[in-house]
Every structure is written in C-alpha cells, then in structure tokens.
C-alpha cells in the first residue's frame, strides 16, 4: 500500500548555479593595481574569459555555498585580458 508522508531528510547542499541572461547589456571594468581604469565596457557581450558556454549573452557562475567563492572561475592569462581590452584585434 502506498501512502503519502512527508519526511525530513538531511542533504549536503554544496553549490548554487546561476545563469543570468544579460542580453547584450554586460558591463565591466578592468582596473590596474592603483585602481585606474584600463578598460570599461558599458553595454555589450559577455567577454570570452567568463566561465561557461555563455554565447556572449549569459553569465554562468557556480557559487560554493561554504566559501561564497565562484567555483568555476578560470585563471585568466595576460592574453585573456589583452583580448578583452582590444577584441577587434583578435
């Protein structure tokens, strides 16, 4: 016989996965160590260095619940930053 019963079960939640559609309105700033602006994008596509298969339209982040850190953030190279600053040259 099947009965409906609510039962509390402990789970170990680890990650919050965010997928945000920015629709060509992604803005960001790259600063140097003194806080001076090297590059600023007010509206545009999500840059290639962002994690996930975003197709230029989505911000895809995995947040570790315990640490609050972005778990899928890639280690960026100088080439990644150069390409973001001057995308037309690549």
PDB file of N, CA and C in Angstrom:
ATOM      1  N   UNK A   1       0.838  -1.162   0.000  1.00  0.00           N
ATOM      2  CA  UNK A   1       0.000   0.000   0.000  1.00  0.00           C
ATOM      3  C   UNK A   1       0.896   1.242   0.000  1.00  0.00           C
ATOM      4  N   UNK A   2       0.597   2.194  -0.871  1.00  0.00           N
ATOM      5  CA  UNK A   2       1.333   3.452  -0.909  1.00  0.00           C
ATOM      6  C   UNK A   2       0.587   4.496  -0.104  1.00  0.00           C
ATOM      7  N   UNK A   3       1.346   5.217   0.712  1.00  0.00           N
ATOM      8  CA  UNK A   3       0.753   6.333   1.450  1.00  0.00           C
ATOM      9  C   UNK A   3       1.615   7.569   1.217  1.00  0.00           C
ATOM     10  N   UNK A   4       1.021   8.732   1.331  1.00  0.00           N
ATOM     11  CA  UNK A   4       1.766   9.983   1.223  1.00  0.00           C
ATOM     12  C   UNK A   4       2.214  10.399   2.613  1.00  0.00           C
ATOM     13  N   UNK A   5       3.518  10.634   2.722  1.00  0.00           N
ATOM     14  CA  UNK A   5       4.045  11.039   4.014  1.00  0.00           C
ATOM     15  C   UNK A   5       5.224  11.970   3.778  1.00  0.00           C
ATOM     16  N   UNK A   6       5.256  13.086   4.489  1.00  0.00           N
ATOM     17  CA  UNK A   6       6.393  13.995   4.411  1.00  0.00           C
ATOM     18  C   UNK A   6       7.447  13.538   5.403  1.00  0.00           C
ATOM     19  N   UNK A   7       8.676  13.530   4.945  1.00  0.00           N
ATOM     20  CA  UNK A   7       9.759  13.062   5.794  1.00  0.00           C
ATOM     21  C   UNK A   7      10.931  14.015   5.617  1.00  0.00           C
ATOM     22  N   UNK A   8      11.483  14.504   6.711  1.00  0.00           N
ATOM     23  CA  UNK A   8      12.649  15.372   6.624  1.00  0.00           C
ATOM     24  C   UNK A   8      13.891  14.533   6.375  1.00  0.00           C
ATOM     25  N   UNK A   9      14.672  14.991   5.391  1.00  0.00           N
ATOM     26  CA  UNK A   9      15.908  14.304   5.050  1.00  0.00           C
ATOM     27  C   UNK A   9      17.012  15.347   4.992  1.00  0.00           C
ATOM     28  N   UNK A  10      18.152  15.066   5.618  1.00  0.00           N
ATOM     29  CA  UNK A  10      19.288  15.980   5.550  1.00  0.00           C
ATOM     30  C   UNK A  10      19.975  15.833   4.200  1.00  0.00           C
ATOM     31  N   UNK A  11      20.314  16.969   3.618  1.00  0.00           N
ATOM     32  CA  UNK A  11      21.072  16.966   2.372  1.00  0.00           C
ATOM     33  C   UNK A  11      22.288  17.854   2.570  1.00  0.00           C
ATOM     34  N   UNK A  12      23.311  17.602   1.797  1.00  0.00           N
ATOM     35  CA  UNK A  12      24.539  18.383   1.874  1.00  0.00           C
ATOM     36  C   UNK A  12      24.593  19.300   0.658  1.00  0.00           C
ATOM     37  N   UNK A  13      23.980  20.477   0.767  1.00  0.00           N
ATOM     38  CA  UNK A  13      23.977  21.437  -0.344  1.00  0.00           C
ATOM     39  C   UNK A  13      25.381  22.003  -0.501  1.00  0.00           C
ATOM     40  N   UNK A  14      25.871  22.076  -1.722  1.00  0.00           N
ATOM     41  CA  UNK A  14      27.245  22.498  -1.978  1.00  0.00           C
ATOM     42  C   UNK A  14      27.343  23.708  -2.896  1.00  0.00           C
ATOM     43  N   UNK A  15      26.520  23.769  -3.945  1.00  0.00           N
ATOM     44  CA  UNK A  15      26.706  24.769  -4.993  1.00  0.00           C
ATOM     45  C   UNK A  15      25.382  25.420  -5.374  1.00  0.00           C
ATOM     46  N   UNK A  16      25.450  26.730  -5.595  1.00  0.00           N
ATOM     47  CA  UNK A  16      24.342  27.456  -6.207  1.00  0.00           C
ATOM     48  C   UNK A  16      24.786  27.786  -7.620  1.00  0.00           C
ATOM     49  N   UNK A  17      24.035  27.349  -8.609  1.00  0.00           N
ATOM     50  CA  UNK A  17      24.374  27.587 -10.010  1.00  0.00           C
ATOM     51  C   UNK A  17      23.494  28.722 -10.535  1.00  0.00           C
ATOM     52  N   UNK A  18      24.148  29.777 -11.006  1.00  0.00           N
ATOM     53  CA  UNK A  18      23.436  30.935 -11.536  1.00  0.00           C
ATOM     54  C   UNK A  18      23.596  30.999 -13.042  1.00  0.00           C
ATOM     55  N   UNK A  19      22.530  31.280 -13.731  1.00  0.00           N
ATOM     56  CA  UNK A  19      22.565  31.523 -15.172  1.00  0.00           C
ATOM     57  C   UNK A  19      21.724  32.766 -15.413  1.00  0.00           C
ATOM     58  N   UNK A  20      22.406  33.872 -15.742  1.00  0.00           N
ATOM     59  CA  UNK A  20      21.741  35.162 -15.895  1.00  0.00           C
ATOM     60  C   UNK A  20      21.843  35.632 -17.331  1.00  0.00           C
ATOM     61  N   UNK A  21      20.733  35.972 -17.924  1.00  0.00           N
ATOM     62  CA  UNK A  21      20.738  36.488 -19.301  1.00  0.00           C
ATOM     63  C   UNK A  21      20.904  37.999 -19.232  1.00  0.00           C
ATOM     64  N   UNK A  22      21.973  38.501 -19.866  1.00  0.00           N
ATOM     65  CA  UNK A  22      22.251  39.937 -19.821  1.00  0.00           C
ATOM     66  C   UNK A  22      21.878  40.647 -21.115  1.00  0.00           C
ATOM     67  N   UNK A  23      21.571  39.927 -22.154  1.00  0.00           N
ATOM     68  CA  UNK A  23      21.050  40.444 -23.411  1.00  0.00           C
ATOM     69  C   UNK A  23      21.838  41.640 -23.938  1.00  0.00           C
ATOM     70  N   UNK A  24      23.088  41.435 -24.194  1.00  0.00           N
ATOM     71  CA  UNK A  24      23.957  42.457 -24.787  1.00  0.00           C
ATOM     72  C   UNK A  24      24.077  43.708 -23.918  1.00  0.00           C
ATOM     73  N   UNK A  25      23.890  43.565 -22.611  1.00  0.00           N
ATOM     74  CA  UNK A  25      23.975  44.699 -21.694  1.00  0.00           C
ATOM     75  C   UNK A  25      25.037  44.463 -20.622  1.00  0.00           C
ATOM     76  N   UNK A  26      26.010  43.597 -20.905  1.00  0.00           N
ATOM     77  CA  UNK A  26      27.035  43.260 -19.918  1.00  0.00           C
ATOM     78  C   UNK A  26      28.011  44.423 -19.767  1.00  0.00           C
ATOM     79  N   UNK A  27      28.223  44.849 -18.536  1.00  0.00           N
ATOM     80  CA  UNK A  27      29.159  45.939 -18.244  1.00  0.00           C
ATOM     81  C   UNK A  27      30.220  45.442 -17.276  1.00  0.00           C
ATOM     82  N   UNK A  28      31.459  45.882 -17.485  1.00  0.00           N
ATOM     83  CA  UNK A  28      32.535  45.552 -16.562  1.00  0.00           C
ATOM     84  C   UNK A  28      33.680  46.532 -16.730  1.00  0.00           C
ATOM     85  N   UNK A  29      34.552  46.556 -15.726  1.00  0.00           N
ATOM     86  CA  UNK A  29      35.727  47.430 -15.719  1.00  0.00           C
ATOM     87  C   UNK A  29      36.938  46.583 -15.367  1.00  0.00           C
ATOM     88  N   UNK A  30      38.036  46.815 -16.055  1.00  0.00           N
ATOM     89  CA  UNK A  30      39.322  46.214 -15.699  1.00  0.00           C
ATOM     90  C   UNK A  30      40.187  47.350 -15.156  1.00  0.00           C
ATOM     91  N   UNK A  31      40.665  47.195 -13.914  1.00  0.00           N
ATOM     92  CA  UNK A  31      41.497  48.212 -13.274  1.00  0.00           C
ATOM     93  C   UNK A  31      42.910  47.700 -13.070  1.00  0.00           C
ATOM     94  N   UNK A  32      43.870  48.642 -12.995  1.00  0.00           N
ATOM     95  CA  UNK A  32      45.237  48.266 -12.650  1.00  0.00           C
ATOM     96  C   UNK A  32      45.371  48.244 -11.126  1.00  0.00           C
ATOM     97  N   UNK A  33      46.572  47.983 -10.623  1.00  0.00           N
ATOM     98  CA  UNK A  33      46.781  47.839  -9.177  1.00  0.00           C
ATOM     99  C   UNK A  33      46.538  49.136  -8.408  1.00  0.00           C
ATOM    100  N   UNK A  34      46.588  50.281  -9.094  1.00  0.00           N
ATOM    101  CA  UNK A  34      46.314  51.563  -8.441  1.00  0.00           C
ATOM    102  C   UNK A  34      44.828  51.945  -8.515  1.00  0.00           C
ATOM    103  N   UNK A  35      44.033  51.127  -9.165  1.00  0.00           N
ATOM    104  CA  UNK A  35      42.613  51.408  -9.294  1.00  0.00           C
ATOM    105  C   UNK A  35      42.265  52.245 -10.509  1.00  0.00           C
ATOM    106  N   UNK A  36      43.260  52.495 -11.374  1.00  0.00           N
ATOM    107  CA  UNK A  36      42.995  53.238 -12.606  1.00  0.00           C
ATOM    108  C   UNK A  36      42.342  52.318 -13.635  1.00  0.00           C
ATOM    109  N   UNK A  37      41.400  52.854 -14.376  1.00  0.00           N
ATOM    110  CA  UNK A  37      40.653  52.070 -15.360  1.00  0.00           C
ATOM    111  C   UNK A  37      41.516  51.814 -16.591  1.00  0.00           C
ATOM    112  N   UNK A  38      41.714  50.526 -16.906  1.00  0.00           N
ATOM    113  CA  UNK A  38      42.409  50.128 -18.129  1.00  0.00           C
ATOM    114  C   UNK A  38      41.419  49.938 -19.270  1.00  0.00           C
ATOM    115  N   UNK A  39      40.234  49.468 -18.912  1.00  0.00           N
ATOM    116  CA  UNK A  39      39.197  49.199 -19.914  1.00  0.00           C
ATOM    117  C   UNK A  39      37.838  49.255 -19.237  1.00  0.00           C
ATOM    118  N   UNK A  40      36.859  49.748 -19.969  1.00  0.00           N
ATOM    119  CA  UNK A  40      35.494  49.787 -19.463  1.00  0.00           C
ATOM    120  C   UNK A  40      34.529  49.484 -20.599  1.00  0.00           C
ATOM    121  N   UNK A  41      33.632  48.561 -20.337  1.00  0.00           N
ATOM    122  CA  UNK A  41      32.572  48.239 -21.293  1.00  0.00           C
ATOM    123  C   UNK A  41      31.248  48.553 -20.612  1.00  0.00           C
ATOM    124  N   UNK A  42      30.479  49.462 -21.202  1.00  0.00           N
ATOM    125  CA  UNK A  42      29.209  49.859 -20.594  1.00  0.00           C
ATOM    126  C   UNK A  42      28.059  48.943 -20.996  1.00  0.00           C
ATOM    127  N   UNK A  43      27.983  48.577 -22.229  1.00  0.00           N
ATOM    128  CA  UNK A  43      26.967  47.646 -22.717  1.00  0.00           C
ATOM    129  C   UNK A  43      27.617  46.790 -23.785  1.00  0.00           C
ATOM    130  N   UNK A  44      27.397  45.499 -23.723  1.00  0.00           N
ATOM    131  CA  UNK A  44      27.973  44.650 -24.752  1.00  0.00           C
ATOM    132  C   UNK A  44      27.802  43.186 -24.428  1.00  0.00           C
ATOM    133  N   UNK A  45      28.558  42.378 -25.152  1.00  0.00           N
ATOM    134  CA  UNK A  45      28.516  40.933 -24.963  1.00  0.00           C
ATOM    135  C   UNK A  45      29.331  40.519 -23.742  1.00  0.00           C
ATOM    136  N   UNK A  46      29.000  39.357 -23.202  1.00  0.00           N
ATOM    137  CA  UNK A  46      29.782  38.768 -22.125  1.00  0.00           C
ATOM    138  C   UNK A  46      31.140  38.391 -22.709  1.00  0.00           C
ATOM    139  N   UNK A  47      32.248  38.813 -22.082  1.00  0.00           N
ATOM    140  CA  UNK A  47      33.569  38.523 -22.642  1.00  0.00           C
ATOM    141  C   UNK A  47      33.895  37.032 -22.607  1.00  0.00           C
ATOM    142  N   UNK A  48      34.761  36.628 -23.517  1.00  0.00           N
ATOM    143  CA  UNK A  48      35.096  35.206 -23.658  1.00  0.00           C
ATOM    144  C   UNK A  48      35.708  34.599 -22.408  1.00  0.00           C
ATOM    145  N   UNK A  49      36.368  35.407 -21.572  1.00  0.00           N
ATOM    146  CA  UNK A  49      37.030  34.835 -20.400  1.00  0.00           C
ATOM    147  C   UNK A  49      36.053  34.425 -19.294  1.00  0.00           C
ATOM    148  N   UNK A  50      34.793  34.796 -19.424  1.00  0.00           N
ATOM    149  CA  UNK A  50      33.809  34.400 -18.411  1.00  0.00           C
ATOM    150  C   UNK A  50      33.542  32.898 -18.529  1.00  0.00           C
ATOM    151  N   UNK A  51      33.282  32.234 -17.390  1.00  0.00           N
ATOM    152  CA  UNK A  51      33.092  30.780 -17.416  1.00  0.00           C
ATOM    153  C   UNK A  51      31.775  30.353 -18.059  1.00  0.00           C
ATOM    154  N   UNK A  52      31.759  29.110 -18.506  1.00  0.00           N
ATOM    155  CA  UNK A  52      30.548  28.508 -19.052  1.00  0.00           C
ATOM    156  C   UNK A  52      30.377  28.767 -20.536  1.00  0.00           C
ATOM    157  N   UNK A  53      29.437  28.071 -21.108  1.00  0.00           N
ATOM    158  CA  UNK A  53      29.100  28.254 -22.527  1.00  0.00           C
ATOM    159  C   UNK A  53      28.042  29.344 -22.599  1.00  0.00           C
ATOM    160  N   UNK A  54      28.500  30.579 -22.550  1.00  0.00           N
ATOM    161  CA  UNK A  54      27.597  31.718 -22.405  1.00  0.00           C
ATOM    162  C   UNK A  54      27.145  32.333 -23.720  1.00  0.00           C
ATOM    163  N   UNK A  55      27.802  32.021 -24.820  1.00  0.00           N
ATOM    164  CA  UNK A  55      27.424  32.515 -26.151  1.00  0.00           C
ATOM    165  C   UNK A  55      27.329  34.044 -26.206  1.00  0.00           C
ATOM    166  N   UNK A  56      28.040  34.713 -25.299  1.00  0.00           N
ATOM    167  CA  UNK A  56      28.049  36.169 -25.277  1.00  0.00           C
ATOM    168  C   UNK A  56      26.818  36.799 -24.654  1.00  0.00           C
ATOM    169  N   UNK A  57      25.862  35.974 -24.218  1.00  0.00           N
ATOM    170  CA  UNK A  57      24.597  36.501 -23.698  1.00  0.00           C
ATOM    171  C   UNK A  57      24.308  36.147 -22.241  1.00  0.00           C
ATOM    172  N   UNK A  58      25.035  35.207 -21.673  1.00  0.00           N
ATOM    173  CA  UNK A  58      24.715  34.723 -20.331  1.00  0.00           C
ATOM    174  C   UNK A  58      25.922  34.838 -19.404  1.00  0.00           C
ATOM    175  N   UNK A  59      25.639  35.079 -18.126  1.00  0.00           N
ATOM    176  CA  UNK A  59      26.650  34.977 -17.084  1.00  0.00           C
ATOM    177  C   UNK A  59      26.336  33.682 -16.348  1.00  0.00           C
ATOM    178  N   UNK A  60      27.286  32.747 -16.355  1.00  0.00           N
ATOM    179  CA  UNK A  60      27.078  31.432 -15.752  1.00  0.00           C
ATOM    180  C   UNK A  60      28.106  31.260 -14.640  1.00  0.00           C
ATOM    181  N   UNK A  61      27.623  31.245 -13.403  1.00  0.00           N
ATOM    182  CA  UNK A  61      28.524  31.149 -12.257  1.00  0.00           C
ATOM    183  C   UNK A  61      28.071  30.040 -11.326  1.00  0.00           C
ATOM    184  N   UNK A  62      29.039  29.290 -10.816  1.00  0.00           N
ATOM    185  CA  UNK A  62      28.795  28.288  -9.786  1.00  0.00           C
ATOM    186  C   UNK A  62      29.357  28.847  -8.484  1.00  0.00           C
ATOM    187  N   UNK A  63      28.498  29.063  -7.483  1.00  0.00           N
ATOM    188  CA  UNK A  63      28.912  29.638  -6.213  1.00  0.00           C
ATOM    189  C   UNK A  63      29.008  28.524  -5.178  1.00  0.00           C
ATOM    190  N   UNK A  64      30.187  28.384  -4.567  1.00  0.00           N
ATOM    191  CA  UNK A  64      30.386  27.423  -3.492  1.00  0.00           C
ATOM    192  C   UNK A  64      29.680  27.974  -2.249  1.00  0.00           C
ATOM    193  N   UNK A  65      28.712  27.258  -1.714  1.00  0.00           N
ATOM    194  CA  UNK A  65      27.917  27.734  -0.587  1.00  0.00           C
ATOM    195  C   UNK A  65      28.777  27.927   0.654  1.00  0.00           C
ATOM    196  N   UNK A  66      29.722  27.033   0.907  1.00  0.00           N
ATOM    197  CA  UNK A  66      30.545  27.119   2.117  1.00  0.00           C
ATOM    198  C   UNK A  66      31.474  28.321   2.114  1.00  0.00           C
ATOM    199  N   UNK A  67      32.115  28.586   0.984  1.00  0.00           N
ATOM    200  CA  UNK A  67      33.125  29.652   0.932  1.00  0.00           C
ATOM    201  C   UNK A  67      32.596  30.963   0.350  1.00  0.00           C
ATOM    202  N   UNK A  68      31.493  30.896  -0.405  1.00  0.00           N
ATOM    203  CA  UNK A  68      30.989  32.082  -1.086  1.00  0.00           C
ATOM    204  C   UNK A  68      31.802  32.442  -2.319  1.00  0.00           C
ATOM    205  N   UNK A  69      32.726  31.593  -2.702  1.00  0.00           N
ATOM    206  CA  UNK A  69      33.602  31.840  -3.843  1.00  0.00           C
ATOM    207  C   UNK A  69      32.986  31.304  -5.134  1.00  0.00           C
ATOM    208  N   UNK A  70      33.388  31.921  -6.247  1.00  0.00           N
ATOM    209  CA  UNK A  70      32.960  31.444  -7.560  1.00  0.00           C
ATOM    210  C   UNK A  70      33.794  30.208  -7.890  1.00  0.00           C
ATOM    211  N   UNK A  71      33.146  29.060  -7.958  1.00  0.00           N
ATOM    212  CA  UNK A  71      33.854  27.788  -8.110  1.00  0.00           C
ATOM    213  C   UNK A  71      34.339  27.540  -9.535  1.00  0.00           C
ATOM    214  N   UNK A  72      33.679  28.107 -10.530  1.00  0.00           N
ATOM    215  CA  UNK A  72      34.059  27.816 -11.914  1.00  0.00           C
ATOM    216  C   UNK A  72      34.810  28.982 -12.565  1.00  0.00           C
ATOM    217  N   UNK A  73      35.395  29.859 -11.759  1.00  0.00           N
ATOM    218  CA  UNK A  73      36.135  30.990 -12.320  1.00  0.00           C
ATOM    219  C   UNK A  73      37.474  30.507 -12.856  1.00  0.00           C
ATOM    220  N   UNK A  74      37.767  30.782 -14.135  1.00  0.00           N
ATOM    221  CA  UNK A  74      39.044  30.332 -14.703  1.00  0.00           C
ATOM    222  C   UNK A  74      40.187  31.252 -14.280  1.00  0.00           C
ATOM    223  N   UNK A  75      41.390  30.711 -14.233  1.00  0.00           N
ATOM    224  CA  UNK A  75      42.579  31.533 -14.004  1.00  0.00           C
ATOM    225  C   UNK A  75      42.864  32.249 -15.320  1.00  0.00           C
ATOM    226  N   UNK A  76      42.813  33.576 -15.289  1.00  0.00           N
ATOM    227  CA  UNK A  76      42.985  34.355 -16.512  1.00  0.00           C
ATOM    228  C   UNK A  76      44.456  34.553 -16.836  1.00  0.00           C
ATOM    229  N   UNK A  77      44.743  34.630 -18.119  1.00  0.00           N
ATOM    230  CA  UNK A  77      46.099  34.890 -18.597  1.00  0.00           C
ATOM    231  C   UNK A  77      46.175  36.332 -19.093  1.00  0.00           C
ATOM    232  N   UNK A  78      47.396  36.796 -19.331  1.00  0.00           N
ATOM    233  CA  UNK A  78      47.580  38.131 -19.905  1.00  0.00           C
ATOM    234  C   UNK A  78      46.874  38.217 -21.258  1.00  0.00           C
ATOM    235  N   UNK A  79      46.922  37.134 -22.023  1.00  0.00           N
ATOM    236  CA  UNK A  79      46.267  37.111 -23.338  1.00  0.00           C
ATOM    237  C   UNK A  79      44.752  37.283 -23.199  1.00  0.00           C
ATOM    238  N   UNK A  80      44.155  36.703 -22.164  1.00  0.00           N
ATOM    239  CA  UNK A  80      42.715  36.866 -21.931  1.00  0.00           C
ATOM    240  C   UNK A  80      42.364  38.338 -21.713  1.00  0.00           C
ATOM    241  N   UNK A  81      43.169  39.021 -20.911  1.00  0.00           N
ATOM    242  CA  UNK A  81      42.916  40.432 -20.610  1.00  0.00           C
ATOM    243  C   UNK A  81      43.154  41.290 -21.848  1.00  0.00           C
ATOM    244  N   UNK A  82      44.240  41.009 -22.566  1.00  0.00           N
ATOM    245  CA  UNK A  82      44.533  41.767 -23.791  1.00  0.00           C
ATOM    246  C   UNK A  82      43.404  41.629 -24.803  1.00  0.00           C
ATOM    247  N   UNK A  83      42.872  40.425 -24.927  1.00  0.00           N
ATOM    248  CA  UNK A  83      41.778  40.182 -25.871  1.00  0.00           C
ATOM    249  C   UNK A  83      40.510  40.914 -25.436  1.00  0.00           C
ATOM    250  N   UNK A  84      40.286  41.007 -24.139  1.00  0.00           N
ATOM    251  CA  UNK A  84      39.116  41.725 -23.634  1.00  0.00           C
ATOM    252  C   UNK A  84      39.244  43.222 -23.875  1.00  0.00           C
ATOM    253  N   UNK A  85      40.464  43.749 -23.732  1.00  0.00           N
ATOM    254  CA  UNK A  85      40.693  45.183 -23.906  1.00  0.00           C
ATOM    255  C   UNK A  85      40.615  45.587 -25.373  1.00  0.00           C
ATOM    256  N   UNK A  86      41.137  44.736 -26.261  1.00  0.00           N
ATOM    257  CA  UNK A  86      41.143  45.047 -27.701  1.00  0.00           C
ATOM    258  C   UNK A  86      40.564  43.877 -28.494  1.00  0.00           C
ATOM    259  N   UNK A  87      39.264  43.623 -28.357  1.00  0.00           N
ATOM    260  CA  UNK A  87      38.668  42.446 -29.011  1.00  0.00           C
ATOM    261  C   UNK A  87      38.727  42.485 -30.533  1.00  0.00           C
ATOM    262  N   UNK A  88      38.758  43.673 -31.124  1.00  0.00           N
ATOM    263  CA  UNK A  88      38.775  43.776 -32.591  1.00  0.00           C
ATOM    264  C   UNK A  88      40.084  43.307 -33.202  1.00  0.00           C
ATOM    265  N   UNK A  89      41.131  43.213 -32.399  1.00  0.00           N
ATOM    266  CA  UNK A  89      42.435  42.798 -32.912  1.00  0.00           C
ATOM    267  C   UNK A  89      42.599  41.284 -32.918  1.00  0.00           C
ATOM    268  N   UNK A  90      41.616  40.551 -32.369  1.00  0.00           N
ATOM    269  CA  UNK A  90      41.739  39.095 -32.289  1.00  0.00           C
ATOM    270  C   UNK A  90      40.730  38.417 -33.166  1.00  0.00           C
TER     271      UNK A  90
END
